[in-house]
Amino acid sequence: AEYGLVEGDTYDPGDAAQRLRTQVEDVSTDAEFRTES
């Protein structure tokens, strides 16, 4: 929440990762996307 990654009432890291992946794909479909926890 402090980093602005919560959408809705609860935080799901998988959902947050998917939202970020979608943002990345909107800019570049060739980029490799990875997450770290």
ModelCIF file with pLDDT and N, C-alpha, C, O atoms, coordinates in Angstrom:
data_MODEL
#
_entry.id   MODEL 
#
_entity.id                         1 
_entity.type                       polymer 
_entity.pdbx_number_of_molecules   1 
#
_entity_poly.entity_id                      1 
_entity_poly.type                           'polypeptide(L)' 
_entity_poly.nstd_linkage                   no 
_entity_poly.nstd_monomer                   no 
_entity_poly.pdbx_seq_one_letter_code       AEYGLVEGDTYDPGDAAQRLRTQVEDVSTDAEFRTES 
_entity_poly.pdbx_seq_one_letter_code_can   AEYGLVEGDTYDPGDAAQRLRTQVEDVSTDAEFRTES 
_entity_poly.pdbx_strand_id                 A 
#
loop_
_entity_poly_seq.entity_id 
_entity_poly_seq.num 
_entity_poly_seq.mon_id 
_entity_poly_seq.hetero 
1 1  ALA n 
1 2  GLU n 
1 3  TYR n 
1 4  GLY n 
1 5  LEU n 
1 6  VAL n 
1 7  GLU n 
1 8  GLY n 
1 9  ASP n 
1 10 THR n 
1 11 TYR n 
1 12 ASP n 
1 13 PRO n 
1 14 GLY n 
1 15 ASP n 
1 16 ALA n 
1 17 ALA n 
1 18 GLN n 
1 19 ARG n 
1 20 LEU n 
1 21 ARG n 
1 22 THR n 
1 23 GLN n 
1 24 VAL n 
1 25 GLU n 
1 26 ASP n 
1 27 VAL n 
1 28 SER n 
1 29 THR n 
1 30 ASP n 
1 31 ALA n 
1 32 GLU n 
1 33 PHE n 
1 34 ARG n 
1 35 THR n 
1 36 GLU n 
1 37 SER n 
#
_struct_asym.id          A 
_struct_asym.entity_id   1 
#
loop_
_ma_qa_metric.id 
_ma_qa_metric.mode 
_ma_qa_metric.name 
_ma_qa_metric.software_group_id 
_ma_qa_metric.type 
1 global pLDDT . pLDDT 
2 local  pLDDT . pLDDT 
#
_ma_qa_metric_global.metric_id      1 
_ma_qa_metric_global.metric_value   91.97 
_ma_qa_metric_global.model_id       1 
_ma_qa_metric_global.ordinal_id     1 
#
loop_
_ma_qa_metric_local.label_asym_id 
_ma_qa_metric_local.label_comp_id 
_ma_qa_metric_local.label_seq_id 
_ma_qa_metric_local.metric_id 
_ma_qa_metric_local.metric_value 
_ma_qa_metric_local.model_id 
_ma_qa_metric_local.ordinal_id 
A ALA 1  2 87.00 1 1  
A GLU 2  2 83.00 1 2  
A TYR 3  2 80.00 1 3  
A GLY 4  2 83.00 1 4  
A LEU 5  2 86.00 1 5  
A VAL 6  2 89.00 1 6  
A GLU 7  2 87.00 1 7  
A GLY 8  2 83.00 1 8  
A ASP 9  2 84.00 1 9  
A THR 10 2 87.00 1 10 
A TYR 11 2 91.00 1 11 
A ASP 12 2 92.00 1 12 
A PRO 13 2 92.00 1 13 
A GLY 14 2 93.00 1 14 
A ASP 15 2 93.00 1 15 
A ALA 16 2 93.00 1 16 
A ALA 17 2 95.00 1 17 
A GLN 18 2 96.00 1 18 
A ARG 19 2 94.00 1 19 
A LEU 20 2 95.00 1 20 
A ARG 21 2 97.00 1 21 
A THR 22 2 97.00 1 22 
A GLN 23 2 96.00 1 23 
A VAL 24 2 97.00 1 24 
A GLU 25 2 97.00 1 25 
A ASP 26 2 97.00 1 26 
A VAL 27 2 95.00 1 27 
A SER 28 2 94.00 1 28 
A THR 29 2 92.00 1 29 
A ASP 30 2 91.00 1 30 
A ALA 31 2 95.00 1 31 
A GLU 32 2 96.00 1 32 
A PHE 33 2 97.00 1 33 
A ARG 34 2 97.00 1 34 
A THR 35 2 96.00 1 35 
A GLU 36 2 94.00 1 36 
A SER 37 2 92.00 1 37 
#
loop_
_atom_site.group_PDB 
_atom_site.id 
_atom_site.type_symbol 
_atom_site.label_atom_id 
_atom_site.label_alt_id 
_atom_site.label_comp_id 
_atom_site.label_asym_id 
_atom_site.label_entity_id 
_atom_site.label_seq_id 
_atom_site.pdbx_PDB_ins_code 
_atom_site.Cartn_x 
_atom_site.Cartn_y 
_atom_site.Cartn_z 
_atom_site.occupancy 
_atom_site.B_iso_or_equiv 
_atom_site.pdbx_formal_charge 
_atom_site.auth_seq_id 
_atom_site.auth_comp_id 
_atom_site.auth_asym_id 
_atom_site.auth_atom_id 
_atom_site.pdbx_PDB_model_num 
ATOM 1   N N  . ALA A 1 1  ? 0.839  -1.207  0.000   1.00 87.00 ? 1  ALA A N  1 
ATOM 2   C CA . ALA A 1 1  ? 0.000  0.000   0.000   1.00 87.00 ? 1  ALA A CA 1 
ATOM 3   C C  . ALA A 1 1  ? 0.871  1.252   0.000   1.00 87.00 ? 1  ALA A C  1 
ATOM 4   O O  . ALA A 1 1  ? 0.565  2.227   -0.686  1.00 87.00 ? 1  ALA A O  1 
ATOM 5   N N  . GLU A 1 2  ? 1.952  1.223   0.768   1.00 83.00 ? 2  GLU A N  1 
ATOM 6   C CA . GLU A 1 2  ? 2.883  2.353   0.809   1.00 83.00 ? 2  GLU A CA 1 
ATOM 7   C C  . GLU A 1 2  ? 3.468  2.637   -0.568  1.00 83.00 ? 2  GLU A C  1 
ATOM 8   O O  . GLU A 1 2  ? 3.707  3.792   -0.920  1.00 83.00 ? 2  GLU A O  1 
ATOM 9   N N  . TYR A 1 3  ? 3.697  1.580   -1.348  1.00 80.00 ? 3  TYR A N  1 
ATOM 10  C CA . TYR A 1 3  ? 4.255  1.736   -2.692  1.00 80.00 ? 3  TYR A CA 1 
ATOM 11  C C  . TYR A 1 3  ? 3.193  1.874   -3.773  1.00 80.00 ? 3  TYR A C  1 
ATOM 12  O O  . TYR A 1 3  ? 3.519  1.894   -4.960  1.00 80.00 ? 3  TYR A O  1 
ATOM 13  N N  . GLY A 1 4  ? 1.918  1.968   -3.375  1.00 83.00 ? 4  GLY A N  1 
ATOM 14  C CA . GLY A 1 4  ? 0.849  2.184   -4.345  1.00 83.00 ? 4  GLY A CA 1 
ATOM 15  C C  . GLY A 1 4  ? 0.512  0.966   -5.185  1.00 83.00 ? 4  GLY A C  1 
ATOM 16  O O  . GLY A 1 4  ? 0.061  1.110   -6.321  1.00 83.00 ? 4  GLY A O  1 
ATOM 17  N N  . LEU A 1 5  ? 0.720  -0.229  -4.652  1.00 86.00 ? 5  LEU A N  1 
ATOM 18  C CA . LEU A 1 5  ? 0.500  -1.449  -5.423  1.00 86.00 ? 5  LEU A CA 1 
ATOM 19  C C  . LEU A 1 5  ? -0.804 -2.165  -5.086  1.00 86.00 ? 5  LEU A C  1 
ATOM 20  O O  . LEU A 1 5  ? -1.114 -3.198  -5.681  1.00 86.00 ? 5  LEU A O  1 
ATOM 21  N N  . VAL A 1 6  ? -1.570 -1.627  -4.138  1.00 89.00 ? 6  VAL A N  1 
ATOM 22  C CA . VAL A 1 6  ? -2.828 -2.264  -3.742  1.00 89.00 ? 6  VAL A CA 1 
ATOM 23  C C  . VAL A 1 6  ? -3.948 -1.693  -4.599  1.00 89.00 ? 6  VAL A C  1 
ATOM 24  O O  . VAL A 1 6  ? -4.120 -0.479  -4.709  1.00 89.00 ? 6  VAL A O  1 
ATOM 25  N N  . GLU A 1 7  ? -4.693 -2.592  -5.195  1.00 87.00 ? 7  GLU A N  1 
ATOM 26  C CA . GLU A 1 7  ? -5.857 -2.182  -5.985  1.00 87.00 ? 7  GLU A CA 1 
ATOM 27  C C  . GLU A 1 7  ? -7.065 -2.892  -5.399  1.00 87.00 ? 7  GLU A C  1 
ATOM 28  O O  . GLU A 1 7  ? -7.084 -4.119  -5.309  1.00 87.00 ? 7  GLU A O  1 
ATOM 29  N N  . GLY A 1 8  ? -8.072 -2.126  -5.001  1.00 83.00 ? 8  GLY A N  1 
ATOM 30  C CA . GLY A 1 8  ? -9.228 -2.732  -4.352  1.00 83.00 ? 8  GLY A CA 1 
ATOM 31  C C  . GLY A 1 8  ? -9.001 -2.830  -2.854  1.00 83.00 ? 8  GLY A C  1 
ATOM 32  O O  . GLY A 1 8  ? -8.272 -2.028  -2.269  1.00 83.00 ? 8  GLY A O  1 
ATOM 33  N N  . ASP A 1 9  ? -9.628 -3.815  -2.244  1.00 84.00 ? 9  ASP A N  1 
ATOM 34  C CA . ASP A 1 9  ? -9.582 -3.946  -0.787  1.00 84.00 ? 9  ASP A CA 1 
ATOM 35  C C  . ASP A 1 9  ? -8.428 -4.781  -0.268  1.00 84.00 ? 9  ASP A C  1 
ATOM 36  O O  . ASP A 1 9  ? -8.023 -4.619  0.884   1.00 84.00 ? 9  ASP A O  1 
ATOM 37  N N  . THR A 1 10 ? -7.894 -5.663  -1.080  1.00 87.00 ? 10 THR A N  1 
ATOM 38  C CA . THR A 1 10 ? -6.826 -6.541  -0.615  1.00 87.00 ? 10 THR A CA 1 
ATOM 39  C C  . THR A 1 10 ? -5.671 -6.537  -1.605  1.00 87.00 ? 10 THR A C  1 
ATOM 40  O O  . THR A 1 10 ? -5.806 -6.134  -2.760  1.00 87.00 ? 10 THR A O  1 
ATOM 41  N N  . TYR A 1 11 ? -4.544 -6.996  -1.111  1.00 91.00 ? 11 TYR A N  1 
ATOM 42  C CA . TYR A 1 11 ? -3.343 -7.054  -1.947  1.00 91.00 ? 11 TYR A CA 1 
ATOM 43  C C  . TYR A 1 11 ? -3.041 -8.497  -2.312  1.00 91.00 ? 11 TYR A C  1 
ATOM 44  O O  . TYR A 1 11 ? -2.950 -9.374  -1.453  1.00 91.00 ? 11 TYR A O  1 
ATOM 45  N N  . ASP A 1 12 ? -2.891 -8.714  -3.590  1.00 92.00 ? 12 ASP A N  1 
ATOM 46  C CA . ASP A 1 12 ? -2.483 -10.014 -4.098  1.00 92.00 ? 12 ASP A CA 1 
ATOM 47  C C  . ASP A 1 12 ? -1.252 -9.783  -4.967  1.00 92.00 ? 12 ASP A C  1 
ATOM 48  O O  . ASP A 1 12 ? -1.361 -9.167  -6.027  1.00 92.00 ? 12 ASP A O  1 
ATOM 49  N N  . PRO A 1 13 ? -0.076 -10.265 -4.541  1.00 92.00 ? 13 PRO A N  1 
ATOM 50  C CA . PRO A 1 13 ? 1.141  -10.043 -5.330  1.00 92.00 ? 13 PRO A CA 1 
ATOM 51  C C  . PRO A 1 13 ? 1.022  -10.531 -6.771  1.00 92.00 ? 13 PRO A C  1 
ATOM 52  O O  . PRO A 1 13 ? 1.576  -9.917  -7.683  1.00 92.00 ? 13 PRO A O  1 
ATOM 53  N N  . GLY A 1 14 ? 0.303  -11.631 -6.979  1.00 93.00 ? 14 GLY A N  1 
ATOM 54  C CA . GLY A 1 14 ? 0.120  -12.141 -8.342  1.00 93.00 ? 14 GLY A CA 1 
ATOM 55  C C  . GLY A 1 14 ? -0.684 -11.184 -9.199  1.00 93.00 ? 14 GLY A C  1 
ATOM 56  O O  . GLY A 1 14 ? -0.358 -10.963 -10.365 1.00 93.00 ? 14 GLY A O  1 
ATOM 57  N N  . ASP A 1 15 ? -1.737 -10.611 -8.622  1.00 93.00 ? 15 ASP A N  1 
ATOM 58  C CA . ASP A 1 15 ? -2.536 -9.627  -9.357  1.00 93.00 ? 15 ASP A CA 1 
ATOM 59  C C  . ASP A 1 15 ? -1.721 -8.370  -9.650  1.00 93.00 ? 15 ASP A C  1 
ATOM 60  O O  . ASP A 1 15 ? -1.790 -7.812  -10.745 1.00 93.00 ? 15 ASP A O  1 
ATOM 61  N N  . ALA A 1 16 ? -0.948 -7.935  -8.654  1.00 93.00 ? 16 ALA A N  1 
ATOM 62  C CA . ALA A 1 16 ? -0.106 -6.758  -8.859  1.00 93.00 ? 16 ALA A CA 1 
ATOM 63  C C  . ALA A 1 16 ? 0.908  -7.013  -9.973  1.00 93.00 ? 16 ALA A C  1 
ATOM 64  O O  . ALA A 1 16 ? 1.146  -6.145  -10.813 1.00 93.00 ? 16 ALA A O  1 
ATOM 65  N N  . ALA A 1 17 ? 1.500  -8.202  -9.976  1.00 95.00 ? 17 ALA A N  1 
ATOM 66  C CA . ALA A 1 17 ? 2.463  -8.551  -11.018 1.00 95.00 ? 17 ALA A CA 1 
ATOM 67  C C  . ALA A 1 17 ? 1.800  -8.544  -12.391 1.00 95.00 ? 17 ALA A C  1 
ATOM 68  O O  . ALA A 1 17 ? 2.386  -8.064  -13.361 1.00 95.00 ? 17 ALA A O  1 
ATOM 69  N N  . GLN A 1 18 ? 0.593  -9.067  -12.477 1.00 96.00 ? 18 GLN A N  1 
ATOM 70  C CA . GLN A 1 18 ? -0.111 -9.099  -13.760 1.00 96.00 ? 18 GLN A CA 1 
ATOM 71  C C  . GLN A 1 18 ? -0.441 -7.687  -14.254 1.00 96.00 ? 18 GLN A C  1 
ATOM 72  O O  . GLN A 1 18 ? -0.329 -7.399  -15.446 1.00 96.00 ? 18 GLN A O  1 
ATOM 73  N N  . ARG A 1 19 ? -0.852 -6.804  -13.325 1.00 94.00 ? 19 ARG A N  1 
ATOM 74  C CA . ARG A 1 19 ? -1.132 -5.412  -13.720 1.00 94.00 ? 19 ARG A CA 1 
ATOM 75  C C  . ARG A 1 19 ? 0.130  -4.750  -14.264 1.00 94.00 ? 19 ARG A C  1 
ATOM 76  O O  . ARG A 1 19 ? 0.089  -4.057  -15.281 1.00 94.00 ? 19 ARG A O  1 
ATOM 77  N N  . LEU A 1 20 ? 1.257  -4.970  -13.576 1.00 95.00 ? 20 LEU A N  1 
ATOM 78  C CA . LEU A 1 20 ? 2.511  -4.379  -14.031 1.00 95.00 ? 20 LEU A CA 1 
ATOM 79  C C  . LEU A 1 20 ? 2.946  -4.978  -15.366 1.00 95.00 ? 20 LEU A C  1 
ATOM 80  O O  . LEU A 1 20 ? 3.420  -4.262  -16.248 1.00 95.00 ? 20 LEU A O  1 
ATOM 81  N N  . ARG A 1 21 ? 2.785  -6.292  -15.512 1.00 97.00 ? 21 ARG A N  1 
ATOM 82  C CA . ARG A 1 21 ? 3.126  -6.944  -16.784 1.00 97.00 ? 21 ARG A CA 1 
ATOM 83  C C  . ARG A 1 21 ? 2.308  -6.348  -17.928 1.00 97.00 ? 21 ARG A C  1 
ATOM 84  O O  . ARG A 1 21 ? 2.836  -6.104  -19.012 1.00 97.00 ? 21 ARG A O  1 
ATOM 85  N N  . THR A 1 22 ? 1.021  -6.117  -17.682 1.00 97.00 ? 22 THR A N  1 
ATOM 86  C CA . THR A 1 22 ? 0.159  -5.532  -18.714 1.00 97.00 ? 22 THR A CA 1 
ATOM 87  C C  . THR A 1 22 ? 0.628  -4.131  -19.076 1.00 97.00 ? 22 THR A C  1 
ATOM 88  O O  . THR A 1 22 ? 0.642  -3.767  -20.252 1.00 97.00 ? 22 THR A O  1 
ATOM 89  N N  . GLN A 1 23 ? 1.015  -3.337  -18.073 1.00 96.00 ? 23 GLN A N  1 
ATOM 90  C CA . GLN A 1 23 ? 1.553  -2.003  -18.345 1.00 96.00 ? 23 GLN A CA 1 
ATOM 91  C C  . GLN A 1 23 ? 2.806  -2.089  -19.210 1.00 96.00 ? 23 GLN A C  1 
ATOM 92  O O  . GLN A 1 23 ? 2.979  -1.309  -20.146 1.00 96.00 ? 23 GLN A O  1 
ATOM 93  N N  . VAL A 1 24 ? 3.670  -3.036  -18.893 1.00 97.00 ? 24 VAL A N  1 
ATOM 94  C CA . VAL A 1 24 ? 4.915  -3.206  -19.653 1.00 97.00 ? 24 VAL A CA 1 
ATOM 95  C C  . VAL A 1 24 ? 4.585  -3.605  -21.084 1.00 97.00 ? 24 VAL A C  1 
ATOM 96  O O  . VAL A 1 24 ? 5.150  -3.051  -22.027 1.00 97.00 ? 24 VAL A O  1 
ATOM 97  N N  . GLU A 1 25 ? 3.675  -4.561  -21.257 1.00 97.00 ? 25 GLU A N  1 
ATOM 98  C CA . GLU A 1 25 ? 3.315  -5.028  -22.600 1.00 97.00 ? 25 GLU A CA 1 
ATOM 99  C C  . GLU A 1 25 ? 2.661  -3.934  -23.432 1.00 97.00 ? 25 GLU A C  1 
ATOM 100 O O  . GLU A 1 25 ? 2.747  -3.960  -24.660 1.00 97.00 ? 25 GLU A O  1 
ATOM 101 N N  . ASP A 1 26 ? 2.005  -2.966  -22.780 1.00 97.00 ? 26 ASP A N  1 
ATOM 102 C CA . ASP A 1 26 ? 1.432  -1.838  -23.506 1.00 97.00 ? 26 ASP A CA 1 
ATOM 103 C C  . ASP A 1 26 ? 2.519  -0.958  -24.128 1.00 97.00 ? 26 ASP A C  1 
ATOM 104 O O  . ASP A 1 26 ? 2.279  -0.274  -25.122 1.00 97.00 ? 26 ASP A O  1 
ATOM 105 N N  . VAL A 1 27 ? 3.709  -0.982  -23.535 1.00 95.00 ? 27 VAL A N  1 
ATOM 106 C CA . VAL A 1 27 ? 4.828  -0.187  -24.044 1.00 95.00 ? 27 VAL A CA 1 
ATOM 107 C C  . VAL A 1 27 ? 5.719  -1.021  -24.957 1.00 95.00 ? 27 VAL A C  1 
ATOM 108 O O  . VAL A 1 27 ? 6.191  -0.530  -25.983 1.00 95.00 ? 27 VAL A O  1 
ATOM 109 N N  . SER A 1 28 ? 5.952  -2.286  -24.587 1.00 94.00 ? 28 SER A N  1 
ATOM 110 C CA . SER A 1 28 ? 6.830  -3.149  -25.376 1.00 94.00 ? 28 SER A CA 1 
ATOM 111 C C  . SER A 1 28 ? 6.408  -4.603  -25.251 1.00 94.00 ? 28 SER A C  1 
ATOM 112 O O  . SER A 1 28 ? 6.382  -5.163  -24.155 1.00 94.00 ? 28 SER A O  1 
ATOM 113 N N  . THR A 1 29 ? 6.083  -5.201  -26.372 1.00 92.00 ? 29 THR A N  1 
ATOM 114 C CA . THR A 1 29 ? 5.742  -6.622  -26.366 1.00 92.00 ? 29 THR A CA 1 
ATOM 115 C C  . THR A 1 29 ? 6.991  -7.497  -26.401 1.00 92.00 ? 29 THR A C  1 
ATOM 116 O O  . THR A 1 29 ? 6.903  -8.706  -26.190 1.00 92.00 ? 29 THR A O  1 
ATOM 117 N N  . ASP A 1 30 ? 8.154  -6.901  -26.664 1.00 91.00 ? 30 ASP A N  1 
ATOM 118 C CA . ASP A 1 30 ? 9.402  -7.657  -26.755 1.00 91.00 ? 30 ASP A CA 1 
ATOM 119 C C  . ASP A 1 30 ? 10.150 -7.757  -25.430 1.00 91.00 ? 30 ASP A C  1 
ATOM 120 O O  . ASP A 1 30 ? 11.104 -8.527  -25.315 1.00 91.00 ? 30 ASP A O  1 
ATOM 121 N N  . ALA A 1 31 ? 9.728  -6.988  -24.430 1.00 95.00 ? 31 ALA A N  1 
ATOM 122 C CA . ALA A 1 31 ? 10.450 -6.978  -23.163 1.00 95.00 ? 31 ALA A CA 1 
ATOM 123 C C  . ALA A 1 31 ? 10.226 -8.269  -22.385 1.00 95.00 ? 31 ALA A C  1 
ATOM 124 O O  . ALA A 1 31 ? 9.123  -8.816  -22.364 1.00 95.00 ? 31 ALA A O  1 
ATOM 125 N N  . GLU A 1 32 ? 11.292 -8.745  -21.750 1.00 96.00 ? 32 GLU A N  1 
ATOM 126 C CA . GLU A 1 32 ? 11.176 -9.866  -20.812 1.00 96.00 ? 32 GLU A CA 1 
ATOM 127 C C  . GLU A 1 32 ? 10.747 -9.261  -19.475 1.00 96.00 ? 32 GLU A C  1 
ATOM 128 O O  . GLU A 1 32 ? 11.342 -8.284  -19.022 1.00 96.00 ? 32 GLU A O  1 
ATOM 129 N N  . PHE A 1 33 ? 9.731  -9.826  -18.846 1.00 97.00 ? 33 PHE A N  1 
ATOM 130 C CA . PHE A 1 33 ? 9.241  -9.300  -17.573 1.00 97.00 ? 33 PHE A CA 1 
ATOM 131 C C  . PHE A 1 33 ? 9.512  -10.299 -16.469 1.00 97.00 ? 33 PHE A C  1 
ATOM 132 O O  . PHE A 1 33 ? 9.242  -11.492 -16.615 1.00 97.00 ? 33 PHE A O  1 
ATOM 133 N N  . ARG A 1 34 ? 10.047 -9.809  -15.364 1.00 97.00 ? 34 ARG A N  1 
ATOM 134 C CA . ARG A 1 34 ? 10.250 -10.686 -14.223 1.00 97.00 ? 34 ARG A CA 1 
ATOM 135 C C  . ARG A 1 34 ? 9.957  -9.925  -12.942 1.00 97.00 ? 34 ARG A C  1 
ATOM 136 O O  . ARG A 1 34 ? 10.051 -8.699  -12.894 1.00 97.00 ? 34 ARG A O  1 
ATOM 137 N N  . THR A 1 35 ? 9.605  -10.665 -11.916 1.00 96.00 ? 35 THR A N  1 
ATOM 138 C CA . THR A 1 35 ? 9.339  -10.065 -10.613 1.00 96.00 ? 35 THR A CA 1 
ATOM 139 C C  . THR A 1 35 ? 10.267 -10.670 -9.572  1.00 96.00 ? 35 THR A C  1 
ATOM 140 O O  . THR A 1 35 ? 10.714 -11.811 -9.689  1.00 96.00 ? 35 THR A O  1 
ATOM 141 N N  . GLU A 1 36 ? 10.534 -9.888  -8.576  1.00 94.00 ? 36 GLU A N  1 
ATOM 142 C CA . GLU A 1 36 ? 11.268 -10.325 -7.393  1.00 94.00 ? 36 GLU A CA 1 
ATOM 143 C C  . GLU A 1 36 ? 10.406 -9.950  -6.199  1.00 94.00 ? 36 GLU A C  1 
ATOM 144 O O  . GLU A 1 36 ? 9.629  -8.998  -6.274  1.00 94.00 ? 36 GLU A O  1 
ATOM 145 N N  . SER A 1 37 ? 10.529 -10.680 -5.105  1.00 92.00 ? 37 SER A N  1 
ATOM 146 C CA . SER A 1 37 ? 9.731  -10.423 -3.909  1.00 92.00 ? 37 SER A CA 1 
ATOM 147 C C  . SER A 1 37 ? 10.613 -9.975  -2.760  1.00 92.00 ? 37 SER A C  1 
ATOM 148 O O  . SER A 1 37 ? 10.114 -9.711  -1.666  1.00 92.00 ? 37 SER A O  1 
#
